[in-house]
Structure formats: C-alpha cells, structure tokens
Amino acid sequence: DGRSVDPEEALQNKVVGLYFSAGWCSPCRDFTPVLCDFYTELLEETEPPAPFEVVFISSDHSAEEMVGYMHAMHGDWLALPFHDPYKHDLKKKYNITAIPKLVIVKQTGEVITDKGRKQIRDKGLSCFRNWLAGADIFQNFSS
C-alpha cells in the first residue's frame, strides 16, 4: 500500500521468499497468481497464519511499471523500493540470471532453496513445511 516498514520487524521469525520478477516478463505473469494463491492460503487460511513473507524485487523498467504490476497482480506483499540500490546486491548475492526466481531464505539471508517456484508448482503448500524445517524458526504455539 506504499508505506514503509521496518524490514527487521516485518521479517522477524519468518521464512522469506525473495521474488525476483517483472510485469513485462510473461513467465512472471504466469507464476505470480500461483504465488498469490500460495501466500493467501498460508497466511489467511491457516490458524495461526504461517510465518511466511514475500519480498518483491522488481526488474521492471520504471517505478510506474513496478507499481502497476503490483496493483494488477500481486498479493499483499512487501517490496523493495524501485530505486533501492540494494536490489543489485541481492541479485548478485543470490545469482539471479533470469526471472522469475523465488529464493527462499532464513531471516539471516541464508538460502533454504533457490527453487521456490518449482517447489510450489510441484508440491503446493506441502513444500512450506520443508522450508520451515530448514529455517530454524522458533514457533510459539499456544493451546
């Protein structure tokens, strides 16, 4: 919705999906609704909501394109601001050579899998359990 959030607070104790994508990319436009459904099911249809967050890192050509793509197709995700130079560091760190790419990381940035897109397509919601096991997240469940 355009407001800034504290990334440490927003991503604390969560499995994070770094979603490298762009509106001009047809495979991205094909996968984005699948990711939206996955995200919605994990966060809105499970009790308590799953500890998962998506951060969109845009490869759009302009900030306007990015915002248009987000409003048209995205879930209620976080996004790195279009002009944030950190996106180049992230692309380099996670070896992003093609999009769409969904890299699943611990809150430390350590990779759980760089095949998030394939795993969601192949396994659906069940892949989240594997990511959670790899994330070393402390879960505080109450009865």
Protein backbone atom coordinates (compact mmCIF):
# COMPACT_ATOMS: atom_id res chain seq x y z
CA ASP A 1 0.00 0.00 0.00
CA GLY A 2 3.00 2.28 -0.34
CA ARG A 3 4.03 2.72 3.28
CA SER A 4 7.49 1.82 4.53
CA VAL A 5 8.01 -0.92 7.08
CA ASP A 6 10.94 -1.84 9.27
CA PRO A 7 12.35 -4.88 7.46
CA GLU A 8 13.77 -6.48 10.59
CA GLU A 9 10.42 -6.23 12.32
CA ALA A 10 8.40 -7.34 9.28
CA LEU A 11 10.60 -10.37 8.58
CA GLN A 12 11.38 -11.45 12.13
CA ASN A 13 10.86 -15.19 12.71
CA LYS A 14 9.64 -15.70 9.15
CA VAL A 15 10.58 -17.76 6.16
CA VAL A 16 11.15 -15.17 3.43
CA GLY A 17 10.53 -15.59 -0.28
CA LEU A 18 12.62 -13.16 -2.31
CA TYR A 19 10.61 -12.84 -5.52
CA PHE A 20 12.61 -11.51 -8.46
CA SER A 21 10.06 -10.65 -11.13
CA ALA A 22 8.75 -8.02 -13.57
CA GLY A 23 5.47 -7.15 -15.25
CA TRP A 24 6.94 -7.33 -18.78
CA CYS A 25 8.04 -10.97 -18.23
CA SER A 26 5.38 -13.45 -19.35
CA PRO A 27 6.66 -16.39 -17.23
CA CYS A 28 6.48 -13.98 -14.27
CA ARG A 29 2.89 -13.04 -15.13
CA ASP A 30 2.16 -16.77 -15.35
CA PHE A 31 3.66 -17.62 -11.93
CA THR A 32 2.63 -14.54 -9.91
CA PRO A 33 -1.04 -15.64 -9.49
CA VAL A 34 0.18 -19.08 -8.32
CA LEU A 35 2.40 -17.39 -5.72
CA CYS A 36 -0.53 -15.15 -4.69
CA ASP A 37 -2.74 -18.19 -4.05
CA PHE A 38 0.06 -19.94 -2.14
CA TYR A 39 0.65 -16.84 0.02
CA THR A 40 -3.07 -16.29 0.67
CA GLU A 41 -3.60 -19.92 1.71
CA LEU A 42 -0.62 -19.84 4.09
CA LEU A 43 -1.46 -16.51 5.70
CA GLU A 44 -5.22 -16.22 5.58
CA GLU A 45 -6.44 -19.79 5.67
CA THR A 46 -4.22 -21.29 8.35
CA GLU A 47 -4.51 -20.62 12.06
CA PRO A 48 -2.19 -19.21 13.27
CA PRO A 49 -1.00 -17.62 9.99
CA ALA A 50 2.14 -19.27 8.64
CA PRO A 51 5.41 -17.44 9.34
CA PHE A 52 5.97 -16.54 5.69
CA GLU A 53 6.59 -13.28 3.87
CA VAL A 54 7.28 -12.44 0.24
CA VAL A 55 9.55 -9.56 -0.71
CA PHE A 56 9.22 -8.46 -4.34
CA ILE A 57 12.41 -7.31 -6.04
CA SER A 58 11.45 -5.65 -9.30
CA SER A 59 13.14 -5.94 -12.68
CA ASP A 60 10.56 -3.61 -14.21
CA HIS A 61 11.76 -0.74 -16.39
CA SER A 62 10.32 2.02 -14.21
CA ALA A 63 8.81 2.66 -10.80
CA GLU A 64 5.44 3.22 -12.52
CA GLU A 65 5.63 -0.20 -14.22
CA MET A 66 6.51 -1.80 -10.89
CA VAL A 67 3.54 -0.20 -9.12
CA GLY A 68 1.19 -1.14 -11.97
CA TYR A 69 2.35 -4.77 -11.88
CA MET A 70 1.99 -4.89 -8.10
CA HIS A 71 -1.52 -3.43 -8.12
CA ALA A 72 -2.65 -5.65 -11.00
CA MET A 73 -1.24 -8.99 -9.92
CA HIS A 74 0.49 -9.15 -6.56
CA GLY A 75 -0.61 -10.36 -3.18
CA ASP A 76 -0.32 -8.19 -0.10
CA TRP A 77 3.47 -8.50 -0.10
CA LEU A 78 6.40 -6.37 0.80
CA ALA A 79 8.55 -4.87 -1.94
CA LEU A 80 11.97 -3.33 -2.12
CA PRO A 81 11.54 0.27 -3.31
CA PHE A 82 12.21 0.54 -7.07
CA HIS A 83 15.22 2.84 -6.74
CA ASP A 84 16.80 0.99 -3.81
CA PRO A 85 20.38 0.11 -4.87
CA TYR A 86 20.25 -2.94 -2.57
CA LYS A 87 18.34 -4.84 -5.28
CA HIS A 88 21.58 -5.11 -7.31
CA ASP A 89 23.35 -6.59 -4.27
CA LEU A 90 20.53 -9.10 -3.82
CA LYS A 91 20.61 -10.13 -7.48
CA LYS A 92 24.35 -10.67 -7.23
CA LYS A 93 24.23 -12.43 -3.84
CA TYR A 94 21.58 -14.91 -4.99
CA ASN A 95 23.00 -15.27 -8.51
CA ILE A 96 19.83 -14.12 -10.29
CA THR A 97 20.44 -14.55 -14.01
CA ALA A 98 16.81 -14.98 -15.14
CA ILE A 99 13.35 -14.20 -13.83
CA PRO A 100 11.01 -15.19 -12.35
CA LYS A 101 13.05 -16.53 -9.47
CA LEU A 102 11.79 -17.26 -5.97
CA VAL A 103 14.62 -17.70 -3.47
CA ILE A 104 13.51 -18.95 -0.06
CA VAL A 105 15.74 -17.70 2.75
CA LYS A 106 16.03 -17.70 6.53
CA GLN A 107 15.75 -14.33 8.19
CA THR A 108 19.57 -14.31 8.20
CA GLY A 109 19.54 -14.34 4.39
CA GLU A 110 20.90 -17.89 4.24
CA VAL A 111 19.33 -19.83 1.36
CA ILE A 112 16.87 -22.62 2.16
CA THR A 113 16.21 -23.20 -1.56
CA ASP A 114 16.57 -21.25 -4.77
CA LYS A 115 13.91 -23.44 -6.39
CA GLY A 116 10.87 -21.98 -4.65
CA ARG A 117 8.92 -21.54 -7.88
CA LYS A 118 9.42 -25.17 -8.96
CA GLN A 119 8.63 -26.48 -5.48
CA ILE A 120 5.38 -24.50 -5.26
CA ARG A 121 4.37 -25.76 -8.73
CA ASP A 122 5.30 -29.38 -7.92
CA LYS A 123 4.27 -29.70 -4.26
CA GLY A 124 1.91 -26.85 -3.46
CA LEU A 125 1.52 -25.96 0.19
CA SER A 126 3.39 -29.03 1.43
CA CYS A 127 6.75 -27.51 0.40
CA PHE A 128 6.31 -24.86 3.11
CA ARG A 129 6.83 -27.49 5.85
CA ASN A 130 10.25 -28.31 4.40
CA TRP A 131 11.18 -24.64 4.24
CA LEU A 132 10.08 -24.16 7.83
CA ALA A 133 12.19 -27.12 8.95
CA GLY A 134 15.20 -25.55 7.23
CA ALA A 135 14.56 -22.11 8.69
CA ASP A 136 15.31 -22.78 12.38
CA ILE A 137 12.37 -20.59 13.38
CA PHE A 138 11.20 -20.61 16.94
CA GLN A 139 7.46 -21.09 16.90
CA ASN A 140 5.49 -20.06 19.93
CA PHE A 141 2.29 -22.06 19.74
CA SER A 142 -0.37 -21.74 22.38
CA SER A 143 -3.08 -24.27 23.01
